[in-house]
Each structure stands twice: as structure tokens, then as C-alpha cells.
C-alpha atoms as a PDB file:
ATOM      1  CA  MET A   1       4.213  20.091 -11.872  1.00  0.00           C
ATOM      2  CA  THR A   2       6.447  17.137 -11.075  1.00  0.00           C
ATOM      3  CA  LYS A   3       5.521  13.651 -12.230  1.00  0.00           C
ATOM      4  CA  LEU A   4       3.301  11.661  -9.897  1.00  0.00           C
ATOM      5  CA  ILE A   5       6.102   9.198  -9.069  1.00  0.00           C
ATOM      6  CA  ASP A   6       8.166  12.127  -7.787  1.00  0.00           C
ATOM      7  CA  ARG A   7       5.369  12.923  -5.335  1.00  0.00           C
ATOM      8  CA  ILE A   8       5.278   9.423  -3.876  1.00  0.00           C
ATOM      9  CA  THR A   9       7.393   8.705  -0.810  1.00  0.00           C
ATOM     10  CA  VAL A  10       7.901   5.566   1.280  1.00  0.00           C
ATOM     11  CA  ASN A  11       9.285   6.046   4.785  1.00  0.00           C
ATOM     12  CA  ALA A  12       9.150   2.466   6.145  1.00  0.00           C
ATOM     13  CA  GLN A  13       7.473  -0.875   5.490  1.00  0.00           C
ATOM     14  CA  SER A  14       4.402   0.023   3.403  1.00  0.00           C
ATOM     15  CA  SER A  15       4.023   3.514   4.865  1.00  0.00           C
ATOM     16  CA  ILE A  16       3.373   5.481   1.688  1.00  0.00           C
ATOM     17  CA  ARG A  17       2.511   9.116   1.003  1.00  0.00           C
ATOM     18  CA  ILE A  18       1.097  10.332  -2.310  1.00  0.00           C
ATOM     19  CA  ASP A  19       0.537  14.025  -3.001  1.00  0.00           C
ATOM     20  CA  SER A  20      -1.916  14.422  -5.853  1.00  0.00           C
ATOM     21  CA  GLY A  21      -3.675  17.618  -4.860  1.00  0.00           C
ATOM     22  CA  LYS A  22      -5.066  15.675  -1.918  1.00  0.00           C
ATOM     23  CA  VAL A  23      -2.543  13.956   0.343  1.00  0.00           C
ATOM     24  CA  LEU A  24      -3.126  10.213   0.546  1.00  0.00           C
ATOM     25  CA  ARG A  25      -1.435   8.152   3.251  1.00  0.00           C
ATOM     26  CA  PHE A  26      -1.259   4.365   3.225  1.00  0.00           C
ATOM     27  CA  ASP A  27      -0.488   2.413   6.412  1.00  0.00           C
ATOM     28  CA  PRO A  28       1.374   5.265   8.179  1.00  0.00           C
ATOM     29  CA  PHE A  29       4.122   3.832  10.376  1.00  0.00           C
ATOM     30  CA  LEU A  30       7.393   4.849  12.073  1.00  0.00           C
ATOM     31  CA  LEU A  31       6.870   8.526  11.359  1.00  0.00           C
ATOM     32  CA  LYS A  32       9.331  10.879  13.045  1.00  0.00           C
ATOM     33  CA  ALA A  33       7.441  14.115  12.322  1.00  0.00           C
ATOM     34  CA  GLU A  34       3.803  15.027  12.941  1.00  0.00           C
ATOM     35  CA  PRO A  35       2.730  16.725   9.694  1.00  0.00           C
ATOM     36  CA  HIS A  36      -1.058  16.340  10.155  1.00  0.00           C
ATOM     37  CA  ASP A  37      -1.351  16.459   6.383  1.00  0.00           C
ATOM     38  CA  ALA A  38      -3.504  13.482   5.372  1.00  0.00           C
ATOM     39  CA  ASP A  39      -6.744  14.104   3.535  1.00  0.00           C
ATOM     40  CA  ILE A  40      -7.375  10.352   3.246  1.00  0.00           C
ATOM     41  CA  ILE A  41      -5.721   7.479   5.112  1.00  0.00           C
ATOM     42  CA  PHE A  42      -5.954   4.030   3.530  1.00  0.00           C
ATOM     43  CA  ILE A  43      -5.293   1.022   5.770  1.00  0.00           C
ATOM     44  CA  THR A  44      -4.617  -2.376   4.195  1.00  0.00           C
ATOM     45  CA  HIS A  45      -4.896  -4.632   7.261  1.00  0.00           C
ATOM     46  CA  SER A  46      -4.713  -4.820  11.034  1.00  0.00           C
ATOM     47  CA  HIS A  47      -1.105  -5.850  11.715  1.00  0.00           C
ATOM     48  CA  PRO A  48       0.622  -3.234  13.892  1.00  0.00           C
ATOM     49  CA  ASP A  49       3.133  -2.182  11.228  1.00  0.00           C
ATOM     50  CA  HIS A  50       0.181  -1.267   8.999  1.00  0.00           C
ATOM     51  CA  PHE A  51      -2.433  -0.090  11.475  1.00  0.00           C
ATOM     52  CA  SER A  52      -0.628   2.111  13.987  1.00  0.00           C
ATOM     53  CA  PRO A  53      -2.996   4.457  15.858  1.00  0.00           C
ATOM     54  CA  GLU A  54       0.054   6.373  17.144  1.00  0.00           C
ATOM     55  CA  ASP A  55       1.211   7.152  13.619  1.00  0.00           C
ATOM     56  CA  ILE A  56      -2.301   7.773  12.370  1.00  0.00           C
ATOM     57  CA  LYS A  57      -2.563  10.576  14.947  1.00  0.00           C
ATOM     58  CA  LYS A  58       0.639  12.126  13.570  1.00  0.00           C
ATOM     59  CA  VAL A  59      -0.786  12.513  10.061  1.00  0.00           C
ATOM     60  CA  SER A  60      -4.478  13.085  10.860  1.00  0.00           C
ATOM     61  CA  LYS A  61      -6.291  16.390  10.939  1.00  0.00           C
ATOM     62  CA  PRO A  62      -9.923  17.030  11.930  1.00  0.00           C
ATOM     63  CA  GLU A  63     -11.253  16.482   8.393  1.00  0.00           C
ATOM     64  CA  THR A  64      -9.200  13.365   7.568  1.00  0.00           C
ATOM     65  CA  LEU A  65     -11.189  10.468   6.101  1.00  0.00           C
ATOM     66  CA  PHE A  66     -10.327   6.773   6.336  1.00  0.00           C
ATOM     67  CA  VAL A  67     -10.648   3.693   4.149  1.00  0.00           C
ATOM     68  CA  ALA A  68     -10.086   0.262   5.682  1.00  0.00           C
ATOM     69  CA  PRO A  69     -11.199  -3.382   5.496  1.00  0.00           C
ATOM     70  CA  ALA A  70     -14.647  -4.038   6.926  1.00  0.00           C
ATOM     71  CA  SER A  71     -13.089  -6.620   9.239  1.00  0.00           C
ATOM     72  CA  MET A  72     -11.332  -3.742  11.051  1.00  0.00           C
ATOM     73  CA  LYS A  73     -14.379  -1.865  12.309  1.00  0.00           C
ATOM     74  CA  THR A  74     -13.686  -2.885  15.901  1.00  0.00           C
ATOM     75  CA  ASP A  75     -10.026  -1.818  15.595  1.00  0.00           C
ATOM     76  CA  PHE A  76     -11.118   1.643  14.515  1.00  0.00           C
ATOM     77  CA  GLU A  77     -13.642   1.895  17.332  1.00  0.00           C
ATOM     78  CA  LYS A  78     -10.950   0.979  19.876  1.00  0.00           C
ATOM     79  CA  ALA A  79      -8.665   3.630  18.365  1.00  0.00           C
ATOM     80  CA  GLY A  80     -11.383   6.262  18.845  1.00  0.00           C
ATOM     81  CA  ILE A  81     -11.833   6.975  15.135  1.00  0.00           C
ATOM     82  CA  LEU A  82     -15.400   7.998  14.391  1.00  0.00           C
ATOM     83  CA  PRO A  83     -17.382   5.671  12.082  1.00  0.00           C
ATOM     84  CA  SER A  84     -18.690   8.742  10.243  1.00  0.00           C
ATOM     85  CA  LYS A  85     -15.152   9.381   8.982  1.00  0.00           C
ATOM     86  CA  CYS A  86     -14.625   5.814   7.750  1.00  0.00           C
ATOM     87  CA  LEU A  87     -15.425   3.903   4.588  1.00  0.00           C
ATOM     88  CA  PHE A  88     -15.140   0.176   5.250  1.00  0.00           C
ATOM     89  CA  VAL A  89     -14.540  -2.064   2.246  1.00  0.00           C
ATOM     90  CA  ASN A  90     -14.079  -5.653   1.120  1.00  0.00           C
ATOM     91  CA  PRO A  91     -11.923  -7.035  -1.700  1.00  0.00           C
ATOM     92  CA  GLY A  92     -13.341  -6.635  -5.193  1.00  0.00           C
ATOM     93  CA  GLU A  93     -15.165  -3.338  -4.719  1.00  0.00           C
ATOM     94  CA  THR A  94     -15.080  -0.069  -6.635  1.00  0.00           C
ATOM     95  CA  ALA A  95     -15.641   3.062  -4.572  1.00  0.00           C
ATOM     96  CA  GLU A  96     -14.997   6.779  -4.301  1.00  0.00           C
ATOM     97  CA  ILE A  97     -14.080   8.981  -1.340  1.00  0.00           C
ATOM     98  CA  ALA A  98     -13.570  12.749  -1.407  1.00  0.00           C
ATOM     99  CA  GLY A  99     -13.455  12.639  -5.208  1.00  0.00           C
ATOM    100  CA  ILE A 100     -10.801   9.881  -5.306  1.00  0.00           C
ATOM    101  CA  SER A 101     -11.842   6.715  -7.164  1.00  0.00           C
ATOM    102  CA  PHE A 102     -10.317   3.378  -6.250  1.00  0.00           C
ATOM    103  CA  LYS A 103     -10.685  -0.384  -6.429  1.00  0.00           C
ATOM    104  CA  THR A 104     -10.042  -2.807  -3.599  1.00  0.00           C
ATOM    105  CA  LEU A 105      -8.001  -5.882  -4.404  1.00  0.00           C
ATOM    106  CA  PRO A 106      -7.396  -9.120  -2.488  1.00  0.00           C
ATOM    107  CA  ALA A 107      -4.200  -9.269  -0.427  1.00  0.00           C
ATOM    108  CA  TYR A 108      -3.208 -12.615   1.048  1.00  0.00           C
ATOM    109  CA  ASN A 109      -0.545 -15.305   1.290  1.00  0.00           C
ATOM    110  CA  ILE A 110      -0.578 -18.571  -0.606  1.00  0.00           C
ATOM    111  CA  GLY A 111       0.279 -21.494   1.671  1.00  0.00           C
ATOM    112  CA  ARG A 112       1.370 -19.303   4.595  1.00  0.00           C
ATOM    113  CA  PRO A 113      -0.680 -18.317   7.639  1.00  0.00           C
ATOM    114  CA  PHE A 114       0.199 -14.634   8.069  1.00  0.00           C
ATOM    115  CA  HIS A 115      -2.402 -13.096   5.741  1.00  0.00           C
ATOM    116  CA  THR A 116      -5.295 -15.394   4.902  1.00  0.00           C
ATOM    117  CA  PRO A 117      -8.028 -14.943   2.256  1.00  0.00           C
ATOM    118  CA  GLU A 118     -10.586 -15.302   5.056  1.00  0.00           C
ATOM    119  CA  SER A 119      -9.335 -12.084   6.690  1.00  0.00           C
ATOM    120  CA  ARG A 120     -10.549 -10.154   3.621  1.00  0.00           C
ATOM    121  CA  TRP A 121      -7.706  -7.667   3.822  1.00  0.00           C
ATOM    122  CA  VAL A 122      -7.017  -5.486   0.826  1.00  0.00           C
ATOM    123  CA  GLY A 123      -4.688  -3.671  -1.493  1.00  0.00           C
ATOM    124  CA  TYR A 124      -5.784  -0.545  -3.338  1.00  0.00           C
ATOM    125  CA  ALA A 125      -5.701   0.545  -6.972  1.00  0.00           C
ATOM    126  CA  VAL A 126      -6.248   4.309  -6.909  1.00  0.00           C
ATOM    127  CA  SER A 127      -6.961   6.482  -9.957  1.00  0.00           C
ATOM    128  CA  LEU A 128      -4.800   9.606  -9.824  1.00  0.00           C
ATOM    129  CA  GLU A 129      -3.949  11.989 -12.661  1.00  0.00           C
ATOM    130  CA  ASP A 130      -4.854   9.455 -15.368  1.00  0.00           C
ATOM    131  CA  GLU A 131      -2.616   6.876 -13.666  1.00  0.00           C
ATOM    132  CA  LEU A 132      -3.682   3.738 -11.817  1.00  0.00           C
ATOM    133  CA  VAL A 133      -1.535   3.379  -8.699  1.00  0.00           C
ATOM    134  CA  TYR A 134      -1.474  -0.018  -7.010  1.00  0.00           C
ATOM    135  CA  VAL A 135      -0.588  -0.207  -3.320  1.00  0.00           C
ATOM    136  CA  ALA A 136      -0.431  -3.933  -2.678  1.00  0.00           C
ATOM    137  CA  GLY A 137      -0.433  -4.201   1.117  1.00  0.00           C
ATOM    138  CA  ASP A 138       0.943  -7.502   2.446  1.00  0.00           C
ATOM    139  CA  THR A 139       0.390 -10.145  -0.195  1.00  0.00           C
ATOM    140  CA  ASP A 140       1.869 -12.753  -2.455  1.00  0.00           C
ATOM    141  CA  GLY A 141       1.767 -12.285  -6.215  1.00  0.00           C
ATOM    142  CA  LEU A 142      -1.811 -13.232  -7.031  1.00  0.00           C
ATOM    143  CA  GLU A 143      -2.701 -14.356 -10.545  1.00  0.00           C
ATOM    144  CA  GLU A 144      -6.143 -12.813 -10.181  1.00  0.00           C
ATOM    145  CA  ILE A 145      -4.678  -9.296 -10.188  1.00  0.00           C
ATOM    146  CA  ALA A 146      -1.647  -9.756 -12.449  1.00  0.00           C
ATOM    147  CA  ALA A 147      -3.588  -8.360 -15.429  1.00  0.00           C
ATOM    148  CA  LEU A 148      -4.529  -5.128 -13.651  1.00  0.00           C
ATOM    149  CA  PRO A 149      -3.659  -2.193 -15.975  1.00  0.00           C
ATOM    150  CA  VAL A 150      -1.376  -0.475 -13.481  1.00  0.00           C
ATOM    151  CA  SER A 151       0.856   2.537 -14.158  1.00  0.00           C
ATOM    152  CA  ILE A 152       2.687   2.514 -10.808  1.00  0.00           C
ATOM    153  CA  ALA A 153       2.908  -0.508  -8.506  1.00  0.00           C
ATOM    154  CA  LEU A 154       4.155  -0.401  -4.915  1.00  0.00           C
ATOM    155  CA  ILE A 155       4.974  -3.999  -4.085  1.00  0.00           C
ATOM    156  CA  PRO A 156       6.260  -5.776  -0.948  1.00  0.00           C
ATOM    157  CA  VAL A 157       9.536  -7.633  -1.510  1.00  0.00           C
ATOM    158  CA  GLY A 158      10.641  -8.631   1.984  1.00  0.00           C
ATOM    159  CA  GLY A 159       9.773 -12.322   2.016  1.00  0.00           C
ATOM    160  CA  LYS A 160       8.433 -14.408   4.933  1.00  0.00           C
ATOM    161  CA  PHE A 161       5.273 -12.314   5.434  1.00  0.00           C
ATOM    162  CA  THR A 162       4.945 -11.406   1.730  1.00  0.00           C
ATOM    163  CA  MET A 163       6.451 -12.412  -1.586  1.00  0.00           C
ATOM    164  CA  ASP A 164      10.219 -12.101  -1.623  1.00  0.00           C
ATOM    165  CA  ALA A 165      12.288 -10.010  -4.021  1.00  0.00           C
ATOM    166  CA  LYS A 166      12.524 -12.691  -6.694  1.00  0.00           C
ATOM    167  CA  GLU A 167       8.820 -13.561  -6.493  1.00  0.00           C
ATOM    168  CA  ALA A 168       7.895  -9.878  -6.596  1.00  0.00           C
ATOM    169  CA  ALA A 169      10.008  -9.349  -9.706  1.00  0.00           C
ATOM    170  CA  GLU A 170       8.307 -12.297 -11.405  1.00  0.00           C
ATOM    171  CA  PHE A 171       4.915 -10.839 -10.513  1.00  0.00           C
ATOM    172  CA  ILE A 172       5.847  -7.401 -11.865  1.00  0.00           C
ATOM    173  CA  ASN A 173       7.078  -8.997 -15.090  1.00  0.00           C
ATOM    174  CA  LYS A 174       3.550 -10.371 -15.537  1.00  0.00           C
ATOM    175  CA  MET A 175       1.804  -7.154 -14.553  1.00  0.00           C
ATOM    176  CA  LYS A 176       4.128  -4.874 -16.563  1.00  0.00           C
ATOM    177  CA  PRO A 177       3.402  -1.512 -14.914  1.00  0.00           C
ATOM    178  CA  LYS A 178       5.313   1.511 -16.164  1.00  0.00           C
ATOM    179  CA  ILE A 179       6.986   1.890 -12.755  1.00  0.00           C
ATOM    180  CA  ALA A 180       7.479  -0.441  -9.785  1.00  0.00           C
ATOM    181  CA  VAL A 181       8.499   0.611  -6.274  1.00  0.00           C
ATOM    182  CA  PRO A 182       9.684  -2.072  -3.803  1.00  0.00           C
ATOM    183  CA  THR A 183       8.328  -1.772  -0.251  1.00  0.00           C
ATOM    184  CA  HIS A 184       8.205  -3.774   3.007  1.00  0.00           C
ATOM    185  CA  PHE A 185      11.819  -4.894   3.310  1.00  0.00           C
ATOM    186  CA  GLY A 186      14.682  -4.404   5.744  1.00  0.00           C
ATOM    187  CA  GLY A 187      14.205  -3.794   9.436  1.00  0.00           C
ATOM    188  CA  MET A 188      11.098  -5.694  10.470  1.00  0.00           C
ATOM    189  CA  ALA A 189      10.658  -7.766   7.308  1.00  0.00           C
ATOM    190  CA  GLY A 190      13.225  -9.106   4.910  1.00  0.00           C
ATOM    191  CA  THR A 191      16.849  -8.151   4.530  1.00  0.00           C
ATOM    192  CA  GLU A 192      18.639  -5.037   3.437  1.00  0.00           C
ATOM    193  CA  GLY A 193      19.337  -5.142  -0.274  1.00  0.00           C
ATOM    194  CA  ALA A 194      16.071  -6.847  -1.232  1.00  0.00           C
ATOM    195  CA  ASP A 195      15.219  -3.795  -3.337  1.00  0.00           C
ATOM    196  CA  LYS A 196      18.333  -4.294  -5.442  1.00  0.00           C
ATOM    197  CA  VAL A 197      17.584  -8.013  -5.920  1.00  0.00           C
ATOM    198  CA  PHE A 198      14.093  -7.010  -7.010  1.00  0.00           C
ATOM    199  CA  LYS A 199      15.416  -4.396  -9.426  1.00  0.00           C
ATOM    200  CA  SER A 200      17.811  -6.834 -11.022  1.00  0.00           C
ATOM    201  CA  GLY A 201      14.956  -9.270 -11.701  1.00  0.00           C
ATOM    202  CA  VAL A 202      12.508  -6.824 -13.278  1.00  0.00           C
ATOM    203  CA  GLY A 203      12.417  -6.755 -17.064  1.00  0.00           C
ATOM    204  CA  SER A 204      12.849  -3.805 -19.398  1.00  0.00           C
ATOM    205  CA  ASP A 205       9.106  -3.115 -19.666  1.00  0.00           C
ATOM    206  CA  THR A 206       9.113  -1.606 -16.159  1.00  0.00           C
ATOM    207  CA  GLU A 207      11.247   1.079 -14.552  1.00  0.00           C
ATOM    208  CA  VAL A 208      12.148   0.313 -10.930  1.00  0.00           C
ATOM    209  CA  VAL A 209      12.271   3.379  -8.677  1.00  0.00           C
ATOM    210  CA  LEU A 210      13.822   2.929  -5.242  1.00  0.00           C
ATOM    211  CA  LYS A 211      12.230   5.013  -2.502  1.00  0.00           C
ATOM    212  CA  ILE A 212      13.125   3.605   0.926  1.00  0.00           C
ATOM    213  CA  GLY A 213      16.434   5.031   2.077  1.00  0.00           C
ATOM    214  CA  TYR A 214      16.962   7.166  -1.015  1.00  0.00           C
END
């Protein structure tokens, strides 16, 4: 069986797929195909590049389950997603869905208005194959989660709406996961090449694996 990192793909922004027996999708967005393969879809927040009902339909199947911030209940109702299929969460919780254990983590900006603490949006730390995988969502590097014992971290590096490549590298150097994957850059957020700036700033404790465009 291939290593877990080899079964993680990023197609755009923070649209992430993890195949760990069950297929987990995070913030599906800009999908060209319609694989209908998701066992669980995790949504970090309500911005349209993270909560895209059109793309959710492309990866959903009748038995797909959903995890999302409690503040998004109305968004899910408007999208026609049944409450019985949803687990709504707040930051700082530990939960399980379909045998997958996870923690919810705060995701917000410091001193910028795009993602506020009051919105109670989240990132996820998911336990998979004895690894803790952190999908950050849209956030700055928060001291309160820098000590999280993460194996694989998927971190936004685009700047403006999230931490930029340099800030993300500094955050990863505090967290020290085994592997870091830059997300949320180029196109709609940040500039092309932010992943390489990020990689150059990350210390030797962490391997940087580039996924978008590779």
C-alpha cells in the first residue's frame, strides 16, 4: 500500500482528496470530473471557493456524510443537503463520523476581516492510519494550534485571505510536522510560485511535498 501522502491530492485552492480506505473530500472546488466518490465531505467555511454546492454534487453519492461548521446549517439547507447526513461542529471539539476520528481547530485571520473568530469556522485534524492530518482551511498561523502533534499539514500560503508563503513557513517551523503541503495559492488567491517560496522557508525537520500542478 502506498504511503498516505501519496494518496492525498489537491486540485485547487483547498480542495483536497484523501483516500484512506474511505475517501475524504475537503472543500471540493473546481472539479472537472464527476467521480461521486466521497464517503465524507468536510467543509471548513462558507466562502464560495470552499463551499461549492455544484462541486459537492460532483463528488457526492447517496450515502455521503458531511461535516461542517454549525454556523453553516442554513447554507446546507439552501443547498438541499439533508440534516440527517450532516454533523455540525464548532472549534475545539473532538468527534467521530463513519469510524473516522477528528478534532476541529479554530481557523481565522489576525487583524484582517476575511475570516473572523466570531464566524467559528474550522480546520480539521483527522486521525488516519496512525497519522494526524491537519487541513487548515483559511487561517493565519495561530499560536494556539502550533503545538498540535501533526504528521501531515496542508497549509494555505496564498496571502491576503490567509497567511502568506513566508508566514506559513514560519508557522510550519514551529509546528514541525513530518510533511507539509502548501495549498490555496495561485489563481484566486496569491501568486504563482508561492509554493516554492514556502518550500524554501521550511526547515529541515519537515519535508515539503508540492501537490497543486504536479
